[in-house]
N, C-alpha and C. Protein backbone atom coordinates (compact mmCIF):
# COMPACT_ATOMS: atom_id res chain seq x y z
N MET A 1 40.22 -47.49 13.43
CA MET A 1 41.09 -47.01 14.48
C MET A 1 40.67 -45.62 14.94
N ARG A 2 40.26 -44.79 14.04
CA ARG A 2 39.88 -43.43 14.35
C ARG A 2 38.67 -43.41 15.30
N LEU A 3 37.66 -44.26 15.06
CA LEU A 3 36.48 -44.35 15.92
C LEU A 3 36.87 -44.74 17.34
N TRP A 4 37.83 -45.63 17.47
CA TRP A 4 38.31 -46.06 18.78
C TRP A 4 38.90 -44.88 19.55
N LYS A 5 39.67 -44.03 18.88
CA LYS A 5 40.27 -42.85 19.53
C LYS A 5 39.20 -41.88 20.00
N ILE A 6 38.19 -41.68 19.21
CA ILE A 6 37.10 -40.78 19.59
C ILE A 6 36.37 -41.33 20.81
N ALA A 7 36.10 -42.64 20.80
CA ALA A 7 35.42 -43.26 21.94
C ALA A 7 36.27 -43.17 23.20
N ALA A 8 37.58 -43.38 23.06
CA ALA A 8 38.48 -43.30 24.23
C ALA A 8 38.51 -41.88 24.77
N PHE A 9 38.59 -40.90 23.89
CA PHE A 9 38.59 -39.50 24.32
C PHE A 9 37.29 -39.16 25.04
N ALA A 10 36.17 -39.60 24.51
CA ALA A 10 34.87 -39.34 25.15
C ALA A 10 34.80 -39.98 26.53
N LEU A 11 35.32 -41.20 26.67
CA LEU A 11 35.32 -41.87 27.96
C LEU A 11 36.16 -41.11 28.98
N VAL A 12 37.35 -40.66 28.57
CA VAL A 12 38.21 -39.88 29.47
C VAL A 12 37.51 -38.59 29.88
N ALA A 13 36.86 -37.91 28.95
CA ALA A 13 36.16 -36.66 29.26
C ALA A 13 35.04 -36.90 30.27
N VAL A 14 34.28 -37.96 30.08
CA VAL A 14 33.20 -38.29 31.02
C VAL A 14 33.76 -38.58 32.40
N LEU A 15 34.84 -39.35 32.47
CA LEU A 15 35.45 -39.67 33.76
C LEU A 15 35.99 -38.43 34.46
N LEU A 16 36.59 -37.52 33.72
CA LEU A 16 37.10 -36.29 34.32
C LEU A 16 35.98 -35.42 34.84
N LEU A 17 34.90 -35.30 34.10
CA LEU A 17 33.76 -34.51 34.55
C LEU A 17 33.12 -35.12 35.78
N ALA A 18 33.02 -36.44 35.82
CA ALA A 18 32.42 -37.12 36.97
C ALA A 18 33.29 -36.98 38.21
N ALA A 19 34.59 -36.84 38.04
CA ALA A 19 35.51 -36.75 39.17
C ALA A 19 35.59 -35.34 39.75
N ARG A 20 35.05 -34.35 39.03
CA ARG A 20 35.09 -32.98 39.53
C ARG A 20 34.28 -32.87 40.80
N PRO A 21 34.75 -32.09 41.76
CA PRO A 21 33.96 -31.91 42.98
C PRO A 21 32.67 -31.15 42.67
N ALA A 22 31.64 -31.43 43.43
CA ALA A 22 30.37 -30.73 43.26
C ALA A 22 30.57 -29.23 43.50
N ALA A 23 29.82 -28.43 42.79
CA ALA A 23 29.93 -26.99 42.97
C ALA A 23 29.59 -26.62 44.41
N ALA A 24 30.33 -25.70 44.94
CA ALA A 24 30.07 -25.26 46.32
C ALA A 24 28.72 -24.55 46.36
N TYR A 25 27.99 -24.77 47.41
CA TYR A 25 26.70 -24.11 47.54
C TYR A 25 26.84 -22.89 48.44
N ASP A 26 25.88 -22.00 48.32
CA ASP A 26 25.82 -20.80 49.14
C ASP A 26 25.12 -21.15 50.44
N PRO A 27 25.84 -21.21 51.56
CA PRO A 27 25.22 -21.63 52.83
C PRO A 27 24.02 -20.79 53.25
N GLU A 28 24.01 -19.52 52.89
CA GLU A 28 22.89 -18.66 53.28
C GLU A 28 21.63 -18.98 52.49
N ASN A 29 21.79 -19.60 51.35
CA ASN A 29 20.63 -19.94 50.51
C ASN A 29 20.50 -21.44 50.30
N THR A 30 20.88 -22.19 51.32
CA THR A 30 20.76 -23.64 51.31
C THR A 30 20.07 -24.09 52.59
N LEU A 31 19.10 -24.97 52.44
CA LEU A 31 18.40 -25.54 53.60
C LEU A 31 18.79 -26.99 53.79
N PHE A 32 18.91 -27.39 55.03
CA PHE A 32 19.04 -28.80 55.40
C PHE A 32 17.72 -29.20 56.01
N MET A 33 17.02 -30.13 55.38
CA MET A 33 15.76 -30.66 55.91
C MET A 33 16.04 -32.09 56.34
N ASP A 34 16.05 -32.31 57.64
CA ASP A 34 16.33 -33.64 58.18
C ASP A 34 15.04 -34.42 58.38
N MET A 35 15.01 -35.59 57.76
CA MET A 35 13.91 -36.53 57.92
C MET A 35 14.40 -37.65 58.84
N PRO A 36 13.53 -38.47 59.39
CA PRO A 36 13.99 -39.54 60.29
C PRO A 36 15.04 -40.45 59.66
N TRP A 37 15.05 -40.59 58.35
CA TRP A 37 15.94 -41.53 57.67
C TRP A 37 17.06 -40.85 56.91
N GLY A 38 17.15 -39.51 56.92
CA GLY A 38 18.24 -38.86 56.22
C GLY A 38 17.97 -37.41 55.89
N ARG A 39 18.97 -36.78 55.33
CA ARG A 39 18.94 -35.34 55.05
C ARG A 39 18.58 -35.06 53.59
N VAL A 40 17.83 -33.96 53.41
CA VAL A 40 17.50 -33.42 52.10
C VAL A 40 18.12 -32.03 52.04
N VAL A 41 18.88 -31.74 50.99
CA VAL A 41 19.52 -30.44 50.83
C VAL A 41 18.77 -29.68 49.74
N ILE A 42 18.30 -28.49 50.09
CA ILE A 42 17.50 -27.67 49.17
C ILE A 42 18.25 -26.38 48.88
N GLU A 43 18.48 -26.13 47.60
CA GLU A 43 19.05 -24.86 47.16
C GLU A 43 17.89 -23.88 47.01
N MET A 44 17.92 -22.80 47.78
CA MET A 44 16.88 -21.78 47.65
C MET A 44 17.23 -20.85 46.49
N ARG A 45 16.20 -20.29 45.87
CA ARG A 45 16.37 -19.48 44.66
C ARG A 45 15.86 -18.06 44.87
N PRO A 46 16.64 -17.22 45.58
CA PRO A 46 16.21 -15.83 45.75
C PRO A 46 16.16 -15.06 44.43
N ASP A 47 16.85 -15.57 43.40
CA ASP A 47 16.78 -14.94 42.09
C ASP A 47 15.40 -15.08 41.47
N LEU A 48 14.66 -16.12 41.86
CA LEU A 48 13.31 -16.35 41.34
C LEU A 48 12.23 -15.81 42.27
N ALA A 49 12.44 -15.95 43.58
CA ALA A 49 11.40 -15.61 44.56
C ALA A 49 12.04 -15.04 45.83
N PRO A 50 12.56 -13.81 45.76
CA PRO A 50 13.27 -13.25 46.91
C PRO A 50 12.43 -13.14 48.18
N ASN A 51 11.16 -12.78 48.05
CA ASN A 51 10.31 -12.63 49.24
C ASN A 51 9.96 -13.98 49.86
N HIS A 52 9.73 -14.98 49.03
CA HIS A 52 9.45 -16.32 49.54
C HIS A 52 10.67 -16.90 50.25
N VAL A 53 11.85 -16.76 49.64
CA VAL A 53 13.07 -17.27 50.25
C VAL A 53 13.32 -16.57 51.58
N ALA A 54 13.15 -15.27 51.62
CA ALA A 54 13.36 -14.53 52.88
C ALA A 54 12.40 -15.03 53.97
N ARG A 55 11.15 -15.26 53.60
CA ARG A 55 10.16 -15.73 54.59
C ARG A 55 10.46 -17.17 55.03
N ILE A 56 10.81 -18.02 54.10
CA ILE A 56 11.16 -19.41 54.45
C ILE A 56 12.32 -19.40 55.44
N LYS A 57 13.37 -18.61 55.15
CA LYS A 57 14.52 -18.55 56.05
C LYS A 57 14.11 -18.03 57.43
N GLU A 58 13.26 -17.03 57.45
CA GLU A 58 12.78 -16.50 58.73
C GLU A 58 12.05 -17.58 59.53
N LEU A 59 11.16 -18.32 58.88
CA LEU A 59 10.43 -19.39 59.56
C LEU A 59 11.36 -20.52 60.00
N VAL A 60 12.30 -20.89 59.14
CA VAL A 60 13.25 -21.95 59.49
C VAL A 60 14.05 -21.54 60.73
N ARG A 61 14.51 -20.31 60.75
CA ARG A 61 15.33 -19.84 61.89
C ARG A 61 14.53 -19.76 63.19
N LYS A 62 13.23 -19.70 63.09
CA LYS A 62 12.37 -19.73 64.28
C LYS A 62 12.02 -21.16 64.69
N GLY A 63 12.43 -22.15 63.90
CA GLY A 63 12.10 -23.55 64.19
C GLY A 63 10.67 -23.91 63.79
N PHE A 64 10.04 -23.08 62.97
CA PHE A 64 8.64 -23.28 62.60
C PHE A 64 8.38 -24.64 61.97
N TYR A 65 9.28 -25.11 61.11
CA TYR A 65 9.04 -26.35 60.37
C TYR A 65 9.41 -27.61 61.14
N ASP A 66 10.12 -27.47 62.23
CA ASP A 66 10.55 -28.63 63.00
C ASP A 66 9.34 -29.41 63.51
N GLY A 67 9.26 -30.68 63.16
CA GLY A 67 8.16 -31.53 63.61
C GLY A 67 6.90 -31.45 62.78
N THR A 68 6.89 -30.64 61.72
CA THR A 68 5.68 -30.54 60.90
C THR A 68 5.56 -31.73 59.96
N PRO A 69 4.33 -32.15 59.65
CA PRO A 69 4.12 -33.34 58.81
C PRO A 69 4.06 -33.03 57.32
N PHE A 70 4.30 -34.06 56.54
CA PHE A 70 3.98 -34.03 55.11
C PHE A 70 2.58 -34.62 55.02
N HIS A 71 1.59 -33.73 55.07
CA HIS A 71 0.19 -34.13 55.22
C HIS A 71 -0.50 -34.53 53.92
N ARG A 72 0.07 -34.12 52.79
CA ARG A 72 -0.53 -34.43 51.48
C ARG A 72 0.58 -34.87 50.54
N VAL A 73 0.54 -36.14 50.14
CA VAL A 73 1.60 -36.70 49.29
C VAL A 73 0.96 -37.56 48.21
N ILE A 74 1.19 -37.19 46.97
CA ILE A 74 0.63 -37.94 45.84
C ILE A 74 1.80 -38.52 45.04
N ALA A 75 1.81 -39.84 44.92
CA ALA A 75 2.88 -40.54 44.20
C ALA A 75 3.08 -39.94 42.81
N ASP A 76 4.33 -39.79 42.42
CA ASP A 76 4.72 -39.26 41.11
C ASP A 76 4.27 -37.83 40.86
N PHE A 77 3.77 -37.13 41.90
CA PHE A 77 3.35 -35.74 41.74
C PHE A 77 4.09 -34.86 42.73
N MET A 78 3.72 -34.89 44.03
CA MET A 78 4.38 -34.01 44.98
C MET A 78 4.13 -34.44 46.42
N ALA A 79 5.00 -33.90 47.32
CA ALA A 79 4.88 -34.09 48.77
C ALA A 79 4.73 -32.71 49.38
N GLN A 80 3.60 -32.48 50.09
CA GLN A 80 3.31 -31.16 50.65
C GLN A 80 3.40 -31.18 52.17
N GLY A 81 4.06 -30.17 52.71
CA GLY A 81 4.21 -30.01 54.15
C GLY A 81 4.21 -28.54 54.51
N GLY A 82 4.65 -28.26 55.74
CA GLY A 82 4.74 -26.88 56.19
C GLY A 82 3.54 -26.35 56.92
N ASP A 83 2.57 -27.23 57.24
CA ASP A 83 1.39 -26.85 58.00
C ASP A 83 1.51 -27.47 59.38
N PRO A 84 1.69 -26.63 60.42
CA PRO A 84 1.86 -27.19 61.76
C PRO A 84 0.63 -27.94 62.28
N THR A 85 -0.55 -27.68 61.70
CA THR A 85 -1.75 -28.39 62.14
C THR A 85 -1.89 -29.74 61.45
N GLY A 86 -1.21 -29.92 60.32
CA GLY A 86 -1.31 -31.17 59.56
C GLY A 86 -2.62 -31.34 58.83
N THR A 87 -3.44 -30.29 58.77
CA THR A 87 -4.75 -30.38 58.13
C THR A 87 -4.76 -29.83 56.70
N GLY A 88 -3.72 -29.09 56.35
CA GLY A 88 -3.71 -28.42 55.05
C GLY A 88 -4.33 -27.05 55.10
N THR A 89 -4.78 -26.63 56.28
CA THR A 89 -5.41 -25.31 56.41
C THR A 89 -4.61 -24.36 57.28
N GLY A 90 -3.54 -24.85 57.89
CA GLY A 90 -2.76 -24.02 58.82
C GLY A 90 -1.59 -23.33 58.14
N GLY A 91 -0.99 -22.43 58.89
CA GLY A 91 0.16 -21.70 58.37
C GLY A 91 0.74 -20.80 59.44
N SER A 92 1.54 -19.87 59.00
CA SER A 92 2.20 -18.94 59.93
C SER A 92 1.37 -17.70 60.21
N GLY A 93 0.37 -17.46 59.34
CA GLY A 93 -0.47 -16.28 59.51
C GLY A 93 -0.02 -15.08 58.69
N GLN A 94 0.98 -15.26 57.85
CA GLN A 94 1.47 -14.16 57.01
C GLN A 94 1.42 -14.57 55.56
N LYS A 95 0.56 -13.93 54.78
CA LYS A 95 0.42 -14.26 53.35
C LYS A 95 1.53 -13.63 52.53
N LEU A 96 1.85 -14.29 51.42
CA LEU A 96 2.89 -13.82 50.52
C LEU A 96 2.31 -13.57 49.13
N ASN A 97 2.74 -12.50 48.50
CA ASN A 97 2.35 -12.26 47.12
C ASN A 97 3.10 -13.22 46.21
N ALA A 98 2.43 -13.67 45.18
CA ALA A 98 3.03 -14.61 44.23
C ALA A 98 4.27 -14.02 43.58
N GLU A 99 5.23 -14.89 43.30
CA GLU A 99 6.43 -14.51 42.56
C GLU A 99 6.64 -15.58 41.48
N PHE A 100 5.84 -15.47 40.42
CA PHE A 100 5.88 -16.45 39.36
C PHE A 100 7.11 -16.26 38.49
N SER A 101 7.56 -17.36 37.91
CA SER A 101 8.73 -17.32 37.03
C SER A 101 8.51 -18.32 35.90
N GLY A 102 9.47 -18.41 35.03
CA GLY A 102 9.40 -19.38 33.94
C GLY A 102 10.00 -20.72 34.31
N GLU A 103 10.39 -20.89 35.57
CA GLU A 103 11.02 -22.14 36.02
C GLU A 103 9.98 -23.26 36.01
N PRO A 104 10.28 -24.38 35.33
CA PRO A 104 9.29 -25.47 35.24
C PRO A 104 9.22 -26.31 36.51
N PHE A 105 8.06 -26.86 36.76
CA PHE A 105 7.84 -27.76 37.90
C PHE A 105 8.20 -29.18 37.47
N VAL A 106 9.45 -29.53 37.75
CA VAL A 106 9.99 -30.85 37.44
C VAL A 106 10.42 -31.51 38.74
N ARG A 107 10.76 -32.77 38.67
CA ARG A 107 11.19 -33.53 39.84
C ARG A 107 12.26 -32.77 40.63
N GLY A 108 12.05 -32.64 41.94
CA GLY A 108 13.01 -31.99 42.83
C GLY A 108 12.75 -30.51 43.06
N VAL A 109 11.95 -29.88 42.23
CA VAL A 109 11.65 -28.46 42.41
C VAL A 109 10.80 -28.28 43.67
N VAL A 110 11.05 -27.19 44.40
CA VAL A 110 10.29 -26.88 45.60
C VAL A 110 9.45 -25.63 45.31
N GLY A 111 8.15 -25.77 45.49
CA GLY A 111 7.23 -24.68 45.23
C GLY A 111 6.42 -24.33 46.46
N MET A 112 5.74 -23.21 46.38
CA MET A 112 4.92 -22.74 47.49
C MET A 112 3.46 -23.11 47.23
N ALA A 113 2.86 -23.75 48.23
CA ALA A 113 1.44 -24.09 48.15
C ALA A 113 0.63 -22.82 48.39
N ARG A 114 -0.58 -22.79 47.86
CA ARG A 114 -1.47 -21.64 48.05
C ARG A 114 -2.90 -22.08 47.88
N GLY A 115 -3.82 -21.19 48.23
CA GLY A 115 -5.23 -21.44 48.02
C GLY A 115 -5.64 -20.94 46.65
N ALA A 116 -6.94 -20.67 46.48
CA ALA A 116 -7.46 -20.21 45.19
C ALA A 116 -6.87 -18.86 44.79
N SER A 117 -6.64 -17.99 45.75
CA SER A 117 -6.04 -16.68 45.46
C SER A 117 -4.56 -16.85 45.17
N ILE A 118 -4.08 -16.21 44.12
CA ILE A 118 -2.67 -16.35 43.78
C ILE A 118 -1.76 -15.76 44.86
N ASN A 119 -2.27 -14.88 45.68
CA ASN A 119 -1.48 -14.25 46.74
C ASN A 119 -1.81 -14.80 48.12
N SER A 120 -2.08 -16.10 48.20
CA SER A 120 -2.47 -16.71 49.48
C SER A 120 -1.42 -17.67 50.04
N ALA A 121 -0.22 -17.72 49.45
CA ALA A 121 0.82 -18.59 49.99
C ALA A 121 1.18 -18.13 51.40
N ASP A 122 1.57 -19.08 52.25
CA ASP A 122 1.91 -18.77 53.64
C ASP A 122 3.18 -19.54 54.00
N SER A 123 3.03 -20.68 54.64
CA SER A 123 4.20 -21.48 55.05
C SER A 123 4.26 -22.84 54.36
N GLN A 124 3.16 -23.26 53.76
CA GLN A 124 3.13 -24.59 53.16
C GLN A 124 3.89 -24.61 51.83
N PHE A 125 4.62 -25.70 51.63
CA PHE A 125 5.42 -25.87 50.43
C PHE A 125 5.27 -27.30 49.93
N PHE A 126 5.73 -27.53 48.71
CA PHE A 126 5.70 -28.88 48.17
C PHE A 126 6.97 -29.15 47.39
N ILE A 127 7.36 -30.43 47.40
CA ILE A 127 8.52 -30.90 46.65
C ILE A 127 8.00 -31.81 45.54
N MET A 128 8.39 -31.52 44.33
CA MET A 128 7.92 -32.29 43.19
C MET A 128 8.54 -33.68 43.16
N LEU A 129 7.69 -34.70 43.02
CA LEU A 129 8.13 -36.09 42.88
C LEU A 129 8.17 -36.48 41.40
N GLY A 130 7.60 -35.65 40.57
CA GLY A 130 7.57 -35.85 39.12
C GLY A 130 7.44 -34.49 38.46
N SER A 131 7.07 -34.47 37.21
CA SER A 131 6.88 -33.21 36.48
C SER A 131 5.40 -32.87 36.42
N ALA A 132 5.09 -31.58 36.46
CA ALA A 132 3.71 -31.12 36.36
C ALA A 132 3.67 -29.78 35.62
N PRO A 133 3.72 -29.81 34.29
CA PRO A 133 3.69 -28.57 33.52
C PRO A 133 2.47 -27.71 33.79
N SER A 134 1.39 -28.32 34.28
CA SER A 134 0.17 -27.54 34.57
C SER A 134 0.39 -26.53 35.70
N LEU A 135 1.45 -26.71 36.49
CA LEU A 135 1.75 -25.77 37.58
C LEU A 135 2.64 -24.62 37.13
N ASP A 136 3.30 -24.79 35.98
CA ASP A 136 4.25 -23.78 35.49
C ASP A 136 3.58 -22.41 35.38
N GLY A 137 4.22 -21.40 35.98
CA GLY A 137 3.71 -20.03 35.90
C GLY A 137 2.48 -19.77 36.75
N ARG A 138 2.03 -20.77 37.52
CA ARG A 138 0.83 -20.61 38.35
C ARG A 138 1.13 -20.72 39.84
N TYR A 139 2.33 -21.22 40.16
CA TYR A 139 2.78 -21.35 41.54
C TYR A 139 4.22 -20.83 41.61
N THR A 140 4.62 -20.43 42.81
CA THR A 140 5.96 -19.87 42.99
C THR A 140 6.99 -20.97 43.21
N VAL A 141 8.04 -20.96 42.40
CA VAL A 141 9.20 -21.84 42.60
C VAL A 141 10.18 -21.08 43.48
N TRP A 142 10.60 -21.69 44.59
CA TRP A 142 11.58 -21.01 45.46
C TRP A 142 12.81 -21.87 45.76
N GLY A 143 12.87 -23.09 45.22
CA GLY A 143 14.05 -23.91 45.48
C GLY A 143 14.06 -25.19 44.68
N LYS A 144 15.13 -25.97 44.91
CA LYS A 144 15.29 -27.25 44.25
C LYS A 144 16.13 -28.16 45.15
N VAL A 145 15.73 -29.42 45.22
CA VAL A 145 16.50 -30.40 45.96
C VAL A 145 17.79 -30.67 45.17
N ILE A 146 18.94 -30.48 45.84
CA ILE A 146 20.22 -30.72 45.17
C ILE A 146 20.91 -31.97 45.72
N ASP A 147 20.41 -32.50 46.83
CA ASP A 147 20.95 -33.75 47.37
C ASP A 147 19.89 -34.36 48.29
N GLY A 148 19.81 -35.69 48.27
CA GLY A 148 18.90 -36.39 49.17
C GLY A 148 17.51 -36.61 48.62
N MET A 149 17.35 -36.56 47.30
CA MET A 149 16.03 -36.81 46.72
C MET A 149 15.53 -38.20 47.08
N GLU A 150 16.45 -39.14 47.30
CA GLU A 150 16.04 -40.49 47.71
C GLU A 150 15.33 -40.44 49.07
N ASN A 151 15.64 -39.44 49.89
CA ASN A 151 14.97 -39.29 51.18
C ASN A 151 13.58 -38.68 51.03
N VAL A 152 13.40 -37.85 50.01
CA VAL A 152 12.07 -37.33 49.70
C VAL A 152 11.19 -38.47 49.19
N ASP A 153 11.77 -39.34 48.36
CA ASP A 153 11.01 -40.46 47.80
C ASP A 153 10.48 -41.40 48.87
N LYS A 154 11.10 -41.43 50.05
CA LYS A 154 10.67 -42.31 51.13
C LYS A 154 9.48 -41.78 51.93
N ILE A 155 9.09 -40.53 51.69
CA ILE A 155 7.95 -39.95 52.42
C ILE A 155 6.70 -40.77 52.10
N THR A 156 5.95 -41.11 53.14
CA THR A 156 4.74 -41.93 52.99
C THR A 156 3.74 -41.26 52.06
N LYS A 157 3.28 -42.02 51.08
CA LYS A 157 2.30 -41.52 50.12
C LYS A 157 0.90 -41.61 50.71
N GLY A 158 0.05 -40.70 50.27
CA GLY A 158 -1.32 -40.66 50.76
C GLY A 158 -2.30 -41.28 49.78
N ASP A 159 -3.55 -40.98 49.98
CA ASP A 159 -4.63 -41.44 49.12
C ASP A 159 -4.32 -41.04 47.68
N PRO A 160 -4.49 -41.95 46.72
CA PRO A 160 -4.16 -41.63 45.32
C PRO A 160 -4.91 -40.43 44.76
N GLU A 161 -6.09 -40.15 45.24
CA GLU A 161 -6.88 -39.02 44.75
C GLU A 161 -6.59 -37.73 45.51
N SER A 162 -6.79 -37.76 46.83
CA SER A 162 -6.65 -36.54 47.64
C SER A 162 -5.23 -36.30 48.11
N GLY A 163 -4.46 -37.36 48.22
CA GLY A 163 -3.10 -37.24 48.73
C GLY A 163 -3.02 -37.20 50.24
N ILE A 164 -4.16 -37.19 50.93
CA ILE A 164 -4.18 -37.11 52.39
C ILE A 164 -3.50 -38.35 52.97
N VAL A 165 -2.58 -38.11 53.91
CA VAL A 165 -1.80 -39.19 54.52
C VAL A 165 -2.34 -39.46 55.92
N ASP A 166 -2.74 -40.72 56.18
CA ASP A 166 -3.28 -41.10 57.50
C ASP A 166 -2.24 -40.98 58.61
N LYS A 167 -1.06 -41.50 58.38
CA LYS A 167 0.02 -41.46 59.37
C LYS A 167 1.23 -40.80 58.72
N PRO A 168 1.22 -39.46 58.68
CA PRO A 168 2.26 -38.75 57.93
C PRO A 168 3.64 -38.80 58.58
N ASP A 169 4.65 -38.70 57.74
CA ASP A 169 6.02 -38.54 58.20
C ASP A 169 6.25 -37.07 58.54
N HIS A 170 7.14 -36.83 59.49
CA HIS A 170 7.40 -35.47 59.96
C HIS A 170 8.84 -35.04 59.69
N ILE A 171 9.00 -33.76 59.44
CA ILE A 171 10.33 -33.17 59.35
C ILE A 171 10.91 -33.18 60.77
N VAL A 172 12.10 -33.72 60.93
CA VAL A 172 12.75 -33.69 62.24
C VAL A 172 13.15 -32.25 62.54
N ARG A 173 13.85 -31.63 61.59
CA ARG A 173 14.23 -30.23 61.73
C ARG A 173 14.67 -29.69 60.39
N MET A 174 14.56 -28.37 60.26
CA MET A 174 15.07 -27.66 59.09
C MET A 174 16.02 -26.59 59.58
N ARG A 175 17.13 -26.41 58.86
CA ARG A 175 18.12 -25.41 59.22
C ARG A 175 18.65 -24.75 57.95
N VAL A 176 18.97 -23.46 58.07
CA VAL A 176 19.72 -22.77 57.03
C VAL A 176 21.16 -23.24 57.19
N ALA A 177 21.79 -23.67 56.12
CA ALA A 177 23.14 -24.24 56.19
C ALA A 177 24.13 -23.28 56.87
N ALA A 178 23.97 -21.98 56.67
CA ALA A 178 24.88 -20.99 57.27
C ALA A 178 24.83 -21.04 58.80
N ASP A 179 23.74 -21.56 59.36
CA ASP A 179 23.56 -21.60 60.82
C ASP A 179 24.02 -22.93 61.42
N VAL A 180 24.44 -23.86 60.57
CA VAL A 180 24.78 -25.21 61.02
C VAL A 180 26.28 -25.34 61.25
N LYS A 181 26.63 -25.84 62.39
CA LYS A 181 28.04 -26.07 62.71
C LYS A 181 28.33 -27.56 62.63
N ASP A 182 29.43 -27.94 62.04
CA ASP A 182 29.88 -29.33 61.93
C ASP A 182 28.85 -30.24 61.25
N GLY A 183 28.08 -29.70 60.29
CA GLY A 183 27.14 -30.52 59.53
C GLY A 183 25.89 -30.95 60.27
N ASN A 184 25.73 -30.54 61.53
CA ASN A 184 24.53 -30.93 62.28
C ASN A 184 23.65 -29.76 62.45
């Protein structure tokens, strides 16, 4: 009888926790990335990468990411976008110094793409489709998908080796949540 009571208590606790409303997000540090099939909500992390978050917000507010492709996508690894040329060589023209942290590169984490130089990040970013400990401490983490990961999973995958996508999917638009009225 005692085991039954413990199991019942545990079930009630789980149900109460599941019924709690989701924590409110900070609209100034939340991005809405709209894809043709749905929205992805990204929590930005100025506590980890204040300069990257500030630059991303600046670019988003200029409409820089609207219509840009996910040009490099490797299944179970990552989806990379943010290059208006779609070649993997374009950007905004402003380099960012690295802001490394101890945050691990796991599914849903958003990091900044860069070249060989650690201080060569610009506008390109990637969303993790799986875990990659080899990236930990070597790339800047600036956010995490908090809703809509199923929409990230729908992004067309590229070549298994290079990740290059022949017919890439495009971001419809990106907005800082604080700038969005009525959810649009």
